[in-house]
Protein backbone atom coordinates (compact mmCIF):
# COMPACT_ATOMS: atom_id res chain seq x y z
CA MET A 1 206.78 170.41 166.51
CA LYS A 2 203.81 171.17 168.39
CA ASN A 3 201.63 168.45 166.47
CA ILE A 4 204.23 166.35 166.80
CA ALA A 5 204.28 166.41 170.57
CA ILE A 6 200.47 166.20 170.71
CA LEU A 7 200.65 163.00 168.06
CA ILE A 8 202.91 161.21 170.57
CA LEU A 9 200.76 162.16 173.33
CA LEU A 10 198.09 160.59 172.12
CA ILE A 11 199.40 157.28 170.92
CA ILE A 12 201.11 156.91 174.10
CA GLY A 13 197.42 157.39 176.01
CA PHE A 14 195.57 155.06 173.43
CA SER A 15 198.36 152.26 174.22
CA LEU A 16 197.61 152.49 177.41
CA VAL A 17 193.81 152.48 177.21
CA GLY A 18 194.18 149.48 174.88
CA THR A 19 196.18 147.31 177.18
CA GLY A 20 194.07 148.39 180.25
CA CYS A 21 191.13 146.72 178.52
CA LYS A 22 193.01 143.56 178.01
CA ASP A 23 193.38 142.59 181.30
CA ARG A 24 189.50 141.45 182.46
CA GLY A 25 190.43 139.14 185.45
CA PRO A 26 188.19 141.17 187.91
CA LEU A 27 185.58 141.79 185.24
CA LYS A 28 185.35 138.22 184.60
CA ASP A 29 185.09 137.43 188.26
CA LEU A 30 182.26 139.67 188.53
CA ILE A 31 180.34 138.30 185.57
CA GLU A 32 180.50 134.66 186.76
CA LEU A 33 179.23 135.72 190.52
CA MET A 34 176.36 137.80 188.29
CA LYS A 35 175.48 134.55 186.27
CA ASN A 36 175.90 132.27 189.46
CA ARG A 37 173.54 134.45 191.77
CA ASP A 38 170.80 134.62 188.66
CA SER A 39 171.53 130.73 188.18
CA GLY A 40 170.04 129.70 192.03
CA ASP A 41 173.79 128.72 192.45
CA ASP A 42 173.31 130.17 196.33
CA LYS A 43 175.17 127.19 198.46
CA ASP A 44 176.51 130.16 200.52
CA ASP A 45 173.52 132.47 200.62
CA ASP A 46 172.19 131.24 203.97
CA LYS A 47 175.41 131.78 205.63
CA ASP A 48 175.58 135.59 203.80
CA ASP A 49 171.91 136.12 205.08
CA GLU A 50 172.51 135.40 209.02
CA LYS A 51 175.80 137.60 208.50
CA ARG A 52 173.64 140.45 206.50
CA PHE A 53 170.47 140.59 208.39
CA ASP A 54 169.25 140.53 211.77
CA CYS A 55 166.15 138.29 210.93
CA PRO A 56 167.72 136.31 208.02
CA ASP A 57 164.42 134.41 207.54
CA LEU A 58 162.68 137.69 207.05
CA LYS A 59 165.52 138.64 204.98
CA LEU A 60 164.93 142.09 207.12
CA ASN A 61 166.85 143.88 209.91
CA PHE A 62 165.63 145.29 213.12
CA LYS A 63 163.13 148.32 212.62
CA ASP A 64 162.64 147.80 208.53
CA THR A 65 159.18 148.23 207.22
CA CYS A 66 157.30 145.26 206.53
CA LYS A 67 153.68 143.58 205.92
CA THR A 68 151.77 142.03 208.73
CA ARG A 69 149.63 138.81 207.84
CA ASP A 70 146.73 140.88 208.01
CA GLY A 71 147.98 143.43 205.41
CA LYS A 72 149.09 145.90 207.81
CA VAL A 73 152.14 147.86 207.38
CA GLY A 74 154.46 147.20 210.33
CA TYR A 75 158.27 147.08 211.41
CA VAL A 76 160.33 144.23 212.72
CA ASN A 77 160.66 143.80 216.20
CA LYS A 78 163.61 142.87 218.31
CA ASP A 79 162.07 139.14 218.08
CA CYS A 80 161.87 139.24 214.43
CA ASP A 81 158.21 139.82 214.47
CA CYS A 82 156.50 142.12 211.98
CA ILE A 83 154.32 144.40 213.81
CA THR A 84 152.51 147.39 213.70
CA LYS A 85 152.61 150.19 216.27
CA ASP A 86 149.18 149.48 217.86
CA THR A 87 150.35 145.98 218.65
CA GLU A 88 153.27 146.89 220.43
CA VAL A 89 152.01 149.19 223.05
CA ASP A 90 150.41 147.90 226.05
CA TYR A 91 148.18 150.03 228.18
CA ASP A 92 147.03 149.91 231.56
CA CYS A 93 143.52 150.41 229.88
CA PRO A 94 143.57 149.14 226.56
CA ARG A 95 139.59 149.75 225.77
CA VAL A 96 140.08 153.44 225.96
CA LYS A 97 144.19 153.13 224.86
CA ALA A 98 145.72 155.13 227.77
CA ASN A 99 147.34 154.05 231.04
CA LEU A 100 146.14 154.66 234.60
CA GLY A 101 146.77 158.89 235.41
CA ASP A 102 147.00 159.38 231.79
CA ALA A 103 145.48 162.88 230.57
CA CYS A 104 141.66 162.56 229.01
CA LYS A 105 138.64 164.38 228.32
CA THR A 106 135.01 163.42 229.88
CA ASP A 107 132.03 162.74 227.64
CA ASP A 108 131.19 166.31 228.95
CA GLY A 109 134.58 167.64 227.89
CA LYS A 110 136.17 168.60 230.64
CA VAL A 111 139.69 167.43 231.27
CA GLY A 112 140.58 164.60 233.75
CA LYS A 113 142.91 161.78 234.33
CA ILE A 114 142.42 157.82 233.72
CA SER A 115 141.14 156.39 237.03
CA ARG A 116 141.79 153.30 238.30
CA ASP A 117 138.67 151.53 236.89
CA CYS A 118 139.40 152.89 233.37
CA LYS A 119 137.24 155.56 233.37
CA CYS A 120 137.77 159.80 233.05
CA VAL A 121 137.48 161.60 235.97
CA THR A 122 137.63 164.82 236.59
CA ASN A 123 139.95 166.01 239.82
CA THR A 124 136.43 167.22 241.29
CA THR A 125 134.86 163.67 240.73
CA ASP A 126 138.17 162.30 241.65
CA ASN A 127 138.02 163.99 245.16
CA VAL A 128 134.52 163.23 246.33
CA TYR A 129 134.88 161.91 250.03
CA ASP A 130 132.30 160.69 252.25
CA CYS A 131 133.13 163.44 254.83
CA PRO A 132 134.63 166.55 252.71
CA ASN A 133 135.43 168.83 255.81
CA LEU A 134 138.15 166.25 256.62
CA LYS A 135 138.77 165.09 253.22
CA ALA A 136 138.43 161.11 254.39
CA ASN A 137 136.18 158.65 253.46
CA VAL A 138 134.17 156.29 256.00
CA GLY A 139 136.77 153.80 257.33
CA ASP A 140 140.11 155.85 256.78
CA PRO A 141 142.41 155.82 259.34
CA CYS A 142 142.73 158.69 261.45
CA LYS A 143 143.68 160.73 264.58
CA SER A 144 141.50 162.36 267.11
CA ALA A 145 142.05 165.68 268.87
CA ALA A 146 143.24 163.83 272.30
CA GLY A 147 145.87 161.96 270.19
CA THR A 148 144.32 158.54 269.89
CA ARG A 149 144.23 156.48 266.41
CA GLY A 150 140.98 155.76 265.02
CA THR A 151 138.87 155.51 261.88
CA ILE A 152 136.34 157.82 260.51
CA ASN A 153 132.76 156.63 261.32
CA GLU A 154 129.47 157.61 259.48
CA ASP A 155 129.06 160.54 261.65
CA CYS A 156 132.50 161.91 259.99
CA GLU A 157 134.06 161.42 263.44
CA CYS A 158 137.22 160.38 264.53
CA ALA A 159 136.29 157.00 266.42
CA GLY A 160 138.86 155.67 268.84
CA ARG A 161 139.57 152.18 269.47
């Protein structure tokens, strides 16, 4: 009796598998799609590319890796250009690849900041005044002890107007 039940279950199982294999509709569609794709029949591919890619001409999305014209590895920016990190950054001082006020090291190894003339200056060289006692330069505006306004003269005095 036990063997008969197993035999019946096997017959039912094989009959379901056999009928399932006869339904090849979706499989035929998939095979046909693959044949069309391989044969170059891509009428709608341009429309599909516009939907699939941020940059359909490159067939890439933003931030995807790519190769620049000179062979460097870069990424796709929002303008659909392939750029490297070096080309993306705009510096105030491109020669030293730094911005004004960025930390830097002088030629003699001291820590400083990038100045307006794109040189690395230390705090001591940055604060050199014509009149160090006043912490001012000749021509700077000032207020005299009497309260009048003036400018610092060559004798490091506040000369009123």
